[in-house]
Amino acid sequence: ELETNVGLKTLPGDSGDRVTLIGRGELHLSILVETMRREGYEFSLSRPEVLIKSIDGVQSEPWEYVTIDAPESRTGVITSSLAQRRGILISMQNTQQGNRFSYEISTANLIGLRNELMTTTSGEAVLNSSFLEFRPLSTRVESVRGGALIAHETGTATAYSLEKAQDRANMIVDPGEEIYAGQVAGIHKRAEDIVMNVTKGKKLTNMRAASADMMVTLAPAWKPSLEQFMTLIAEDEMLEVTPLNLRLRKRQLAR
C-alpha cells in the first residue's frame, strides 16, 4: 500500500501490534481503512489526531481556510457549529444560492465538521477547505458529541431495554444484535457517560396484565458510516473494524 499510496506514511507504535498511520485527512484515512476492511482485515482504531510541529521552539498546529455555501435558512446552524468549534469568521457574502461563509479554523477543531453539517443542514451545505498555515497551539474542543451509553452486560440487545434507553440516547444498535460489556450502544444526549443493561428482557409471569399486549415502539437505530464513526471516537474509546461490523467500544472493557 505504501508503494502506491504516496500520501500515506506509517510509524511503529508503542508495542509490536500497533502502527501509527499518517495521512492527508479524514477522507484519505477512511478510504484506506475501508479498503483494508474489504480485504478481510480486523483491527481497532483510536481517535484521529493532528500532527504537531515545532517551529522556532513553539509547538504549532495546522490551520485551514474554510468556505461554506448554504441557503440563508441554514445560517443559524452553520454559525452555531463553527462558534462551538472556535472558528474565526472572516466574511459572509450573499450569493445566488444563499450565503457564503469564510472561516479560519484549526484542523483539530475541523475534524468531523463536514459530516456534522451534512446532517444538520440536510445535505444543503457545501464545505471546502485548504491549508492556511501553522499557528501556535490554540484551545481545542474536547468533543462536540454527547457521552456514551455503555453496555453493562454481554448478550443480545432486546427491544424492551432499548425502548427504555432511547429516551436518554440515540441508539446505534438494533434489537437482536450481539453486544459485549464495554461496547458503546448509543450516544448519550448529555455530556456524561452512562452505563445501562441493554440485554435485559421483560420478566415473564403467569399473570396477565392490562398492559401485556402493548407494542414496543423503537426509533430506527442510527448507523454511522465509517467516516462518521472515525469522528465520533472519544479519547478513551476505540473503533473496532471487521469485514462485517463497526463497533465503538471503551478502551478498558473490564468493570
C-alpha atoms as a PDB file:
ATOM      1  CA  GLU A   1       0.000   0.000   0.000  1.00  0.00           C
ATOM      2  CA  LEU A   2       2.862   2.384   0.799  1.00  0.00           C
ATOM      3  CA  GLU A   3       4.267   1.888  -2.711  1.00  0.00           C
ATOM      4  CA  THR A   4       1.083   3.092  -4.426  1.00  0.00           C
ATOM      5  CA  ASN A   5      -0.407   5.468  -1.827  1.00  0.00           C
ATOM      6  CA  VAL A   6       2.113   8.312  -1.846  1.00  0.00           C
ATOM      7  CA  GLY A   7       0.265  10.333   0.807  1.00  0.00           C
ATOM      8  CA  LEU A   8       0.431   7.543   3.372  1.00  0.00           C
ATOM      9  CA  LYS A   9       3.151   7.022   5.973  1.00  0.00           C
ATOM     10  CA  THR A  10       3.468   4.550   8.831  1.00  0.00           C
ATOM     11  CA  LEU A  11       5.360   4.710  12.107  1.00  0.00           C
ATOM     12  CA  PRO A  12       5.878   1.883  14.620  1.00  0.00           C
ATOM     13  CA  GLY A  13       3.611   2.104  17.662  1.00  0.00           C
ATOM     14  CA  ASP A  14       4.485   1.735  21.322  1.00  0.00           C
ATOM     15  CA  SER A  15       4.019  -2.046  21.073  1.00  0.00           C
ATOM     16  CA  GLY A  16       4.556  -4.693  18.427  1.00  0.00           C
ATOM     17  CA  ASP A  17       0.888  -4.921  17.442  1.00  0.00           C
ATOM     18  CA  ARG A  18       0.340  -1.174  16.985  1.00  0.00           C
ATOM     19  CA  VAL A  19       1.036   1.056  13.991  1.00  0.00           C
ATOM     20  CA  THR A  20       0.598   4.813  13.590  1.00  0.00           C
ATOM     21  CA  LEU A  21      -0.914   5.831  10.238  1.00  0.00           C
ATOM     22  CA  ILE A  22      -0.198   9.302   8.854  1.00  0.00           C
ATOM     23  CA  GLY A  23      -2.458  10.530   6.038  1.00  0.00           C
ATOM     24  CA  ARG A  24      -3.937  13.633   4.470  1.00  0.00           C
ATOM     25  CA  GLY A  25      -7.174  13.886   6.381  1.00  0.00           C
ATOM     26  CA  GLU A  26     -10.347  12.085   7.375  1.00  0.00           C
ATOM     27  CA  LEU A  27     -11.366  11.045   3.860  1.00  0.00           C
ATOM     28  CA  HIS A  28      -7.907   9.739   2.937  1.00  0.00           C
ATOM     29  CA  LEU A  29      -7.647   7.581   6.052  1.00  0.00           C
ATOM     30  CA  SER A  30     -11.244   6.359   5.869  1.00  0.00           C
ATOM     31  CA  ILE A  31     -10.683   5.128   2.297  1.00  0.00           C
ATOM     32  CA  LEU A  32      -7.602   3.198   3.447  1.00  0.00           C
ATOM     33  CA  VAL A  33      -9.477   1.676   6.388  1.00  0.00           C
ATOM     34  CA  GLU A  34     -12.419   0.667   4.180  1.00  0.00           C
ATOM     35  CA  THR A  35     -10.029  -0.939   1.666  1.00  0.00           C
ATOM     36  CA  MET A  36      -8.346  -2.986   4.410  1.00  0.00           C
ATOM     37  CA  ARG A  37     -11.731  -3.921   5.808  1.00  0.00           C
ATOM     38  CA  ARG A  38     -12.905  -5.272   2.454  1.00  0.00           C
ATOM     39  CA  GLU A  39      -9.693  -7.277   2.177  1.00  0.00           C
ATOM     40  CA  GLY A  40     -10.641  -9.127   5.360  1.00  0.00           C
ATOM     41  CA  TYR A  41      -8.527  -7.384   7.995  1.00  0.00           C
ATOM     42  CA  GLU A  42      -9.735  -6.866  11.564  1.00  0.00           C
ATOM     43  CA  PHE A  43      -8.283  -4.115  13.756  1.00  0.00           C
ATOM     44  CA  SER A  44      -9.087  -1.263  16.132  1.00  0.00           C
ATOM     45  CA  LEU A  45      -8.689   2.469  15.539  1.00  0.00           C
ATOM     46  CA  SER A  46      -8.007   5.167  18.088  1.00  0.00           C
ATOM     47  CA  ARG A  47      -9.141   8.778  17.839  1.00  0.00           C
ATOM     48  CA  PRO A  48      -7.612  10.684  14.873  1.00  0.00           C
ATOM     49  CA  GLU A  49      -5.045  13.264  15.910  1.00  0.00           C
ATOM     50  CA  VAL A  50      -3.432  16.243  14.208  1.00  0.00           C
ATOM     51  CA  LEU A  51       0.354  16.313  13.813  1.00  0.00           C
ATOM     52  CA  ILE A  52       2.033  18.979  15.920  1.00  0.00           C
ATOM     53  CA  LYS A  53       5.098  20.762  14.563  1.00  0.00           C
ATOM     54  CA  SER A  54       7.791  22.656  16.485  1.00  0.00           C
ATOM     55  CA  ILE A  55       8.565  25.993  14.792  1.00  0.00           C
ATOM     56  CA  ASP A  56      11.309  28.087  16.415  1.00  0.00           C
ATOM     57  CA  GLY A  57      10.719  26.192  19.636  1.00  0.00           C
ATOM     58  CA  VAL A  58       6.965  26.862  19.618  1.00  0.00           C
ATOM     59  CA  GLN A  59       4.512  23.961  19.409  1.00  0.00           C
ATOM     60  CA  SER A  60       2.339  24.737  16.384  1.00  0.00           C
ATOM     61  CA  GLU A  61      -0.678  23.160  14.712  1.00  0.00           C
ATOM     62  CA  PRO A  62      -2.130  23.459  11.189  1.00  0.00           C
ATOM     63  CA  TRP A  63      -4.951  25.876  10.429  1.00  0.00           C
ATOM     64  CA  GLU A  64      -7.260  25.766   7.428  1.00  0.00           C
ATOM     65  CA  TYR A  65      -9.253  28.254   5.395  1.00  0.00           C
ATOM     66  CA  VAL A  66     -12.836  27.029   5.098  1.00  0.00           C
ATOM     67  CA  THR A  67     -15.648  28.205   2.820  1.00  0.00           C
ATOM     68  CA  ILE A  68     -19.224  27.030   3.292  1.00  0.00           C
ATOM     69  CA  ASP A  69     -22.016  27.643   0.774  1.00  0.00           C
ATOM     70  CA  ALA A  70     -25.545  27.161   2.087  1.00  0.00           C
ATOM     71  CA  PRO A  71     -29.093  28.566   1.838  1.00  0.00           C
ATOM     72  CA  GLU A  72     -29.937  31.515   4.102  1.00  0.00           C
ATOM     73  CA  SER A  73     -32.221  29.278   6.165  1.00  0.00           C
ATOM     74  CA  ARG A  74     -29.144  27.362   7.383  1.00  0.00           C
ATOM     75  CA  THR A  75     -27.240  30.420   8.630  1.00  0.00           C
ATOM     76  CA  GLY A  76     -28.001  29.822  12.307  1.00  0.00           C
ATOM     77  CA  VAL A  77     -26.944  26.170  12.211  1.00  0.00           C
ATOM     78  CA  ILE A  78     -23.642  26.950  10.481  1.00  0.00           C
ATOM     79  CA  THR A  79     -22.624  29.889  12.675  1.00  0.00           C
ATOM     80  CA  SER A  80     -23.515  27.916  15.806  1.00  0.00           C
ATOM     81  CA  SER A  81     -21.447  24.891  14.725  1.00  0.00           C
ATOM     82  CA  LEU A  82     -18.397  26.984  13.838  1.00  0.00           C
ATOM     83  CA  ALA A  83     -18.627  29.036  17.032  1.00  0.00           C
ATOM     84  CA  GLN A  84     -18.708  25.835  19.075  1.00  0.00           C
ATOM     85  CA  ARG A  85     -15.552  24.702  17.252  1.00  0.00           C
ATOM     86  CA  ARG A  86     -13.875  28.100  17.821  1.00  0.00           C
ATOM     87  CA  GLY A  87     -13.769  29.030  14.144  1.00  0.00           C
ATOM     88  CA  ILE A  88     -12.929  32.638  13.233  1.00  0.00           C
ATOM     89  CA  LEU A  89     -15.464  34.223  10.855  1.00  0.00           C
ATOM     90  CA  ILE A  90     -13.632  36.161   8.132  1.00  0.00           C
ATOM     91  CA  SER A  91     -16.546  37.133   5.894  1.00  0.00           C
ATOM     92  CA  MET A  92     -20.142  36.337   4.969  1.00  0.00           C
ATOM     93  CA  GLN A  93     -21.328  37.154   1.447  1.00  0.00           C
ATOM     94  CA  ASN A  94     -24.669  36.864  -0.293  1.00  0.00           C
ATOM     95  CA  THR A  95     -24.718  34.651  -3.379  1.00  0.00           C
ATOM     96  CA  GLN A  96     -27.382  33.475  -5.805  1.00  0.00           C
ATOM     97  CA  GLN A  97     -27.663  30.200  -3.879  1.00  0.00           C
ATOM     98  CA  GLY A  98     -27.717  31.795  -0.409  1.00  0.00           C
ATOM     99  CA  ASN A  99     -24.732  32.734   1.744  1.00  0.00           C
ATOM    100  CA  ARG A 100     -21.010  32.005   1.536  1.00  0.00           C
ATOM    101  CA  PHE A 101     -19.175  31.847   4.864  1.00  0.00           C
ATOM    102  CA  SER A 102     -15.397  32.124   5.120  1.00  0.00           C
ATOM    103  CA  TYR A 103     -13.685  30.877   8.274  1.00  0.00           C
ATOM    104  CA  GLU A 104     -10.252  30.208   9.669  1.00  0.00           C
ATOM    105  CA  ILE A 105     -10.174  27.191  11.970  1.00  0.00           C
ATOM    106  CA  SER A 106      -7.606  24.784  13.373  1.00  0.00           C
ATOM    107  CA  THR A 107      -7.512  21.373  11.702  1.00  0.00           C
ATOM    108  CA  ALA A 108      -8.063  19.685  15.081  1.00  0.00           C
ATOM    109  CA  ASN A 109     -11.360  21.528  15.588  1.00  0.00           C
ATOM    110  CA  LEU A 110     -12.360  20.959  11.961  1.00  0.00           C
ATOM    111  CA  ILE A 111     -12.426  17.164  12.317  1.00  0.00           C
ATOM    112  CA  GLY A 112     -15.987  15.909  11.940  1.00  0.00           C
ATOM    113  CA  LEU A 113     -17.478  19.227  10.795  1.00  0.00           C
ATOM    114  CA  ARG A 114     -18.210  18.026   7.262  1.00  0.00           C
ATOM    115  CA  ASN A 115     -20.315  15.103   8.496  1.00  0.00           C
ATOM    116  CA  GLU A 116     -21.975  17.259  11.147  1.00  0.00           C
ATOM    117  CA  LEU A 117     -23.114  19.846   8.593  1.00  0.00           C
ATOM    118  CA  MET A 118     -24.238  17.092   6.241  1.00  0.00           C
ATOM    119  CA  THR A 119     -26.695  16.040   8.941  1.00  0.00           C
ATOM    120  CA  THR A 120     -27.744  19.392  10.418  1.00  0.00           C
ATOM    121  CA  THR A 121     -28.305  21.067   7.036  1.00  0.00           C
ATOM    122  CA  SER A 122     -29.844  18.010   5.352  1.00  0.00           C
ATOM    123  CA  GLY A 123     -27.024  17.993   2.816  1.00  0.00           C
ATOM    124  CA  GLU A 124     -27.608  21.589   1.685  1.00  0.00           C
ATOM    125  CA  ALA A 125     -24.220  22.923   2.855  1.00  0.00           C
ATOM    126  CA  VAL A 126     -21.117  22.571   0.668  1.00  0.00           C
ATOM    127  CA  LEU A 127     -17.812  22.782   2.555  1.00  0.00           C
ATOM    128  CA  ASN A 128     -14.380  23.323   1.032  1.00  0.00           C
ATOM    129  CA  SER A 129     -11.119  23.688   2.934  1.00  0.00           C
ATOM    130  CA  SER A 130      -7.467  24.361   2.167  1.00  0.00           C
ATOM    131  CA  PHE A 131      -4.326  24.520   4.283  1.00  0.00           C
ATOM    132  CA  LEU A 132      -3.628  28.007   5.594  1.00  0.00           C
ATOM    133  CA  GLU A 133      -0.583  27.968   7.886  1.00  0.00           C
ATOM    134  CA  PHE A 134       0.853  26.683  11.150  1.00  0.00           C
ATOM    135  CA  ARG A 135      -0.045  28.661  14.271  1.00  0.00           C
ATOM    136  CA  PRO A 136       0.773  28.235  17.973  1.00  0.00           C
ATOM    137  CA  LEU A 137      -1.402  25.667  19.728  1.00  0.00           C
ATOM    138  CA  SER A 138      -4.875  27.016  20.454  1.00  0.00           C
ATOM    139  CA  THR A 139      -7.755  25.852  22.616  1.00  0.00           C
ATOM    140  CA  ARG A 140      -9.201  22.612  21.343  1.00  0.00           C
ATOM    141  CA  VAL A 141     -12.785  21.467  21.517  1.00  0.00           C
ATOM    142  CA  GLU A 142     -12.798  18.302  23.601  1.00  0.00           C
ATOM    143  CA  SER A 143     -15.872  16.779  21.989  1.00  0.00           C
ATOM    144  CA  VAL A 144     -18.898  18.005  20.084  1.00  0.00           C
ATOM    145  CA  ARG A 145     -20.873  14.810  20.673  1.00  0.00           C
ATOM    146  CA  GLY A 146     -22.626  13.619  23.803  1.00  0.00           C
ATOM    147  CA  GLY A 147     -21.362  10.990  26.186  1.00  0.00           C
ATOM    148  CA  ALA A 148     -21.571   7.257  25.618  1.00  0.00           C
ATOM    149  CA  LEU A 149     -24.311   4.845  26.620  1.00  0.00           C
ATOM    150  CA  ILE A 150     -22.194   1.832  27.566  1.00  0.00           C
ATOM    151  CA  ALA A 151     -23.450  -1.755  27.598  1.00  0.00           C
ATOM    152  CA  HIS A 152     -23.241  -3.241  31.104  1.00  0.00           C
ATOM    153  CA  GLU A 153     -23.593  -6.906  30.122  1.00  0.00           C
ATOM    154  CA  THR A 154     -22.594  -9.181  27.254  1.00  0.00           C
ATOM    155  CA  GLY A 155     -25.506 -10.683  25.363  1.00  0.00           C
ATOM    156  CA  THR A 156     -28.223  -9.849  22.851  1.00  0.00           C
ATOM    157  CA  ALA A 157     -29.788  -6.391  22.771  1.00  0.00           C
ATOM    158  CA  THR A 158     -33.515  -6.543  23.497  1.00  0.00           C
ATOM    159  CA  ALA A 159     -36.303  -4.292  22.293  1.00  0.00           C
ATOM    160  CA  TYR A 160     -37.546  -3.973  25.888  1.00  0.00           C
ATOM    161  CA  SER A 161     -34.240  -2.489  27.113  1.00  0.00           C
ATOM    162  CA  LEU A 162     -33.635  -0.360  24.030  1.00  0.00           C
ATOM    163  CA  GLU A 163     -37.061   1.242  24.431  1.00  0.00           C
ATOM    164  CA  LYS A 164     -36.065   2.334  27.945  1.00  0.00           C
ATOM    165  CA  ALA A 165     -32.676   3.592  26.736  1.00  0.00           C
ATOM    166  CA  GLN A 166     -33.788   5.533  23.657  1.00  0.00           C
ATOM    167  CA  ASP A 167     -35.215   8.352  25.795  1.00  0.00           C
ATOM    168  CA  ARG A 168     -31.700   9.060  27.055  1.00  0.00           C
ATOM    169  CA  ALA A 169     -29.575   8.343  23.991  1.00  0.00           C
ATOM    170  CA  ASN A 170     -29.528   7.957  20.228  1.00  0.00           C
ATOM    171  CA  MET A 171     -29.088   4.210  19.855  1.00  0.00           C
ATOM    172  CA  ILE A 172     -26.605   2.713  17.377  1.00  0.00           C
ATOM    173  CA  VAL A 173     -27.534  -0.951  17.933  1.00  0.00           C
ATOM    174  CA  ASP A 174     -30.664  -2.827  16.880  1.00  0.00           C
ATOM    175  CA  PRO A 175     -32.737  -5.398  18.808  1.00  0.00           C
ATOM    176  CA  GLY A 176     -31.263  -8.870  18.365  1.00  0.00           C
ATOM    177  CA  GLU A 177     -27.746  -7.546  17.819  1.00  0.00           C
ATOM    178  CA  GLU A 178     -24.965  -9.261  19.776  1.00  0.00           C
ATOM    179  CA  ILE A 179     -23.082  -6.823  22.021  1.00  0.00           C
ATOM    180  CA  TYR A 180     -20.484  -7.100  24.776  1.00  0.00           C
ATOM    181  CA  ALA A 181     -19.796  -5.314  28.056  1.00  0.00           C
ATOM    182  CA  GLY A 182     -17.965  -2.055  27.402  1.00  0.00           C
ATOM    183  CA  GLN A 183     -19.380  -1.576  23.917  1.00  0.00           C
ATOM    184  CA  VAL A 184     -20.975   1.785  23.143  1.00  0.00           C
ATOM    185  CA  ALA A 185     -24.637   1.094  22.403  1.00  0.00           C
ATOM    186  CA  GLY A 186     -25.705   4.705  21.898  1.00  0.00           C
ATOM    187  CA  ILE A 187     -24.710   8.365  22.070  1.00  0.00           C
ATOM    188  CA  HIS A 188     -25.996   9.974  25.262  1.00  0.00           C
ATOM    189  CA  LYS A 189     -27.985  13.188  24.877  1.00  0.00           C
ATOM    190  CA  ARG A 190     -25.900  14.715  27.678  1.00  0.00           C
ATOM    191  CA  ALA A 191     -22.147  15.118  28.012  1.00  0.00           C
ATOM    192  CA  GLU A 192     -21.518  12.402  30.604  1.00  0.00           C
ATOM    193  CA  ASP A 193     -21.224   8.644  30.042  1.00  0.00           C
ATOM    194  CA  ILE A 194     -23.864   6.294  31.445  1.00  0.00           C
ATOM    195  CA  VAL A 195     -23.910   2.510  31.855  1.00  0.00           C
ATOM    196  CA  MET A 196     -27.086   0.535  31.140  1.00  0.00           C
ATOM    197  CA  ASN A 197     -28.033  -3.094  30.688  1.00  0.00           C
ATOM    198  CA  VAL A 198     -29.465  -3.222  27.165  1.00  0.00           C
ATOM    199  CA  THR A 199     -29.681  -7.043  27.171  1.00  0.00           C
ATOM    200  CA  LYS A 200     -32.354  -7.228  29.864  1.00  0.00           C
ATOM    201  CA  GLY A 201     -35.642  -8.797  28.795  1.00  0.00           C
ATOM    202  CA  LYS A 202     -39.118  -8.279  30.161  1.00  0.00           C
ATOM    203  CA  LYS A 203     -39.922 -10.570  33.078  1.00  0.00           C
ATOM    204  CA  LEU A 204     -42.493 -13.207  32.221  1.00  0.00           C
ATOM    205  CA  THR A 205     -45.198 -14.220  34.694  1.00  0.00           C
ATOM    206  CA  ASN A 206     -48.299 -16.394  34.567  1.00  0.00           C
ATOM    207  CA  MET A 207     -50.424 -13.343  35.371  1.00  0.00           C
ATOM    208  CA  ARG A 208     -51.949 -11.422  32.505  1.00  0.00           C
ATOM    209  CA  ALA A 209     -51.624  -7.654  32.986  1.00  0.00           C
ATOM    210  CA  ALA A 210     -53.702  -4.999  31.267  1.00  0.00           C
ATOM    211  CA  SER A 211     -50.568  -3.744  29.503  1.00  0.00           C
ATOM    212  CA  ALA A 212     -49.331  -7.189  28.477  1.00  0.00           C
ATOM    213  CA  ASP A 213     -50.171  -6.699  24.823  1.00  0.00           C
ATOM    214  CA  MET A 214     -48.717  -3.209  24.483  1.00  0.00           C
ATOM    215  CA  MET A 215     -46.473  -2.842  21.460  1.00  0.00           C
ATOM    216  CA  VAL A 216     -42.851  -1.758  21.898  1.00  0.00           C
ATOM    217  CA  THR A 217     -42.116   1.288  19.736  1.00  0.00           C
ATOM    218  CA  LEU A 218     -38.485   1.827  18.770  1.00  0.00           C
ATOM    219  CA  ALA A 219     -36.923   4.577  16.711  1.00  0.00           C
ATOM    220  CA  PRO A 220     -34.637   3.209  13.965  1.00  0.00           C
ATOM    221  CA  ALA A 221     -31.055   2.826  15.168  1.00  0.00           C
ATOM    222  CA  TRP A 222     -28.574   5.330  13.773  1.00  0.00           C
ATOM    223  CA  LYS A 223     -25.936   3.512  11.714  1.00  0.00           C
ATOM    224  CA  PRO A 224     -22.985   5.877  11.169  1.00  0.00           C
ATOM    225  CA  SER A 225     -20.717   5.386   8.186  1.00  0.00           C
ATOM    226  CA  LEU A 226     -17.045   4.535   8.697  1.00  0.00           C
ATOM    227  CA  GLU A 227     -16.049   8.182   8.217  1.00  0.00           C
ATOM    228  CA  GLN A 228     -18.695   9.290  10.720  1.00  0.00           C
ATOM    229  CA  PHE A 229     -17.570   6.671  13.234  1.00  0.00           C
ATOM    230  CA  MET A 230     -13.959   7.874  12.968  1.00  0.00           C
ATOM    231  CA  THR A 231     -15.007  11.381  14.024  1.00  0.00           C
ATOM    232  CA  LEU A 232     -17.106  10.046  16.928  1.00  0.00           C
ATOM    233  CA  ILE A 233     -14.243   8.262  18.714  1.00  0.00           C
ATOM    234  CA  ALA A 234     -13.572   9.801  22.129  1.00  0.00           C
ATOM    235  CA  GLU A 235     -10.192   9.869  23.869  1.00  0.00           C
ATOM    236  CA  ASP A 236     -10.986   6.764  25.946  1.00  0.00           C
ATOM    237  CA  GLU A 237     -12.607   4.819  23.102  1.00  0.00           C
ATOM    238  CA  MET A 238     -11.641   2.718  20.090  1.00  0.00           C
ATOM    239  CA  LEU A 239     -13.427   1.742  16.889  1.00  0.00           C
ATOM    240  CA  GLU A 240     -13.452  -1.997  16.246  1.00  0.00           C
ATOM    241  CA  VAL A 241     -13.332  -2.620  12.490  1.00  0.00           C
ATOM    242  CA  THR A 242     -14.176  -6.016  10.964  1.00  0.00           C
ATOM    243  CA  PRO A 243     -15.357  -7.020   7.472  1.00  0.00           C
ATOM    244  CA  LEU A 244     -18.922  -7.325   8.790  1.00  0.00           C
ATOM    245  CA  ASN A 245     -19.212  -4.846  11.651  1.00  0.00           C
ATOM    246  CA  LEU A 246     -18.175  -1.484  13.042  1.00  0.00           C
ATOM    247  CA  ARG A 247     -18.335  -1.267  16.832  1.00  0.00           C
ATOM    248  CA  LEU A 248     -17.475   1.630  19.101  1.00  0.00           C
ATOM    249  CA  ARG A 249     -16.073   0.499  22.459  1.00  0.00           C
ATOM    250  CA  LYS A 250     -14.293   1.754  25.546  1.00  0.00           C
ATOM    251  CA  ARG A 251     -10.554   1.078  25.746  1.00  0.00           C
ATOM    252  CA  GLN A 252     -10.947  -0.525  29.160  1.00  0.00           C
ATOM    253  CA  LEU A 253     -13.662  -3.166  28.973  1.00  0.00           C
ATOM    254  CA  ALA A 254     -13.281  -4.563  32.490  1.00  0.00           C
ATOM    255  CA  ARG A 255     -15.647  -3.080  35.052  1.00  0.00           C
END
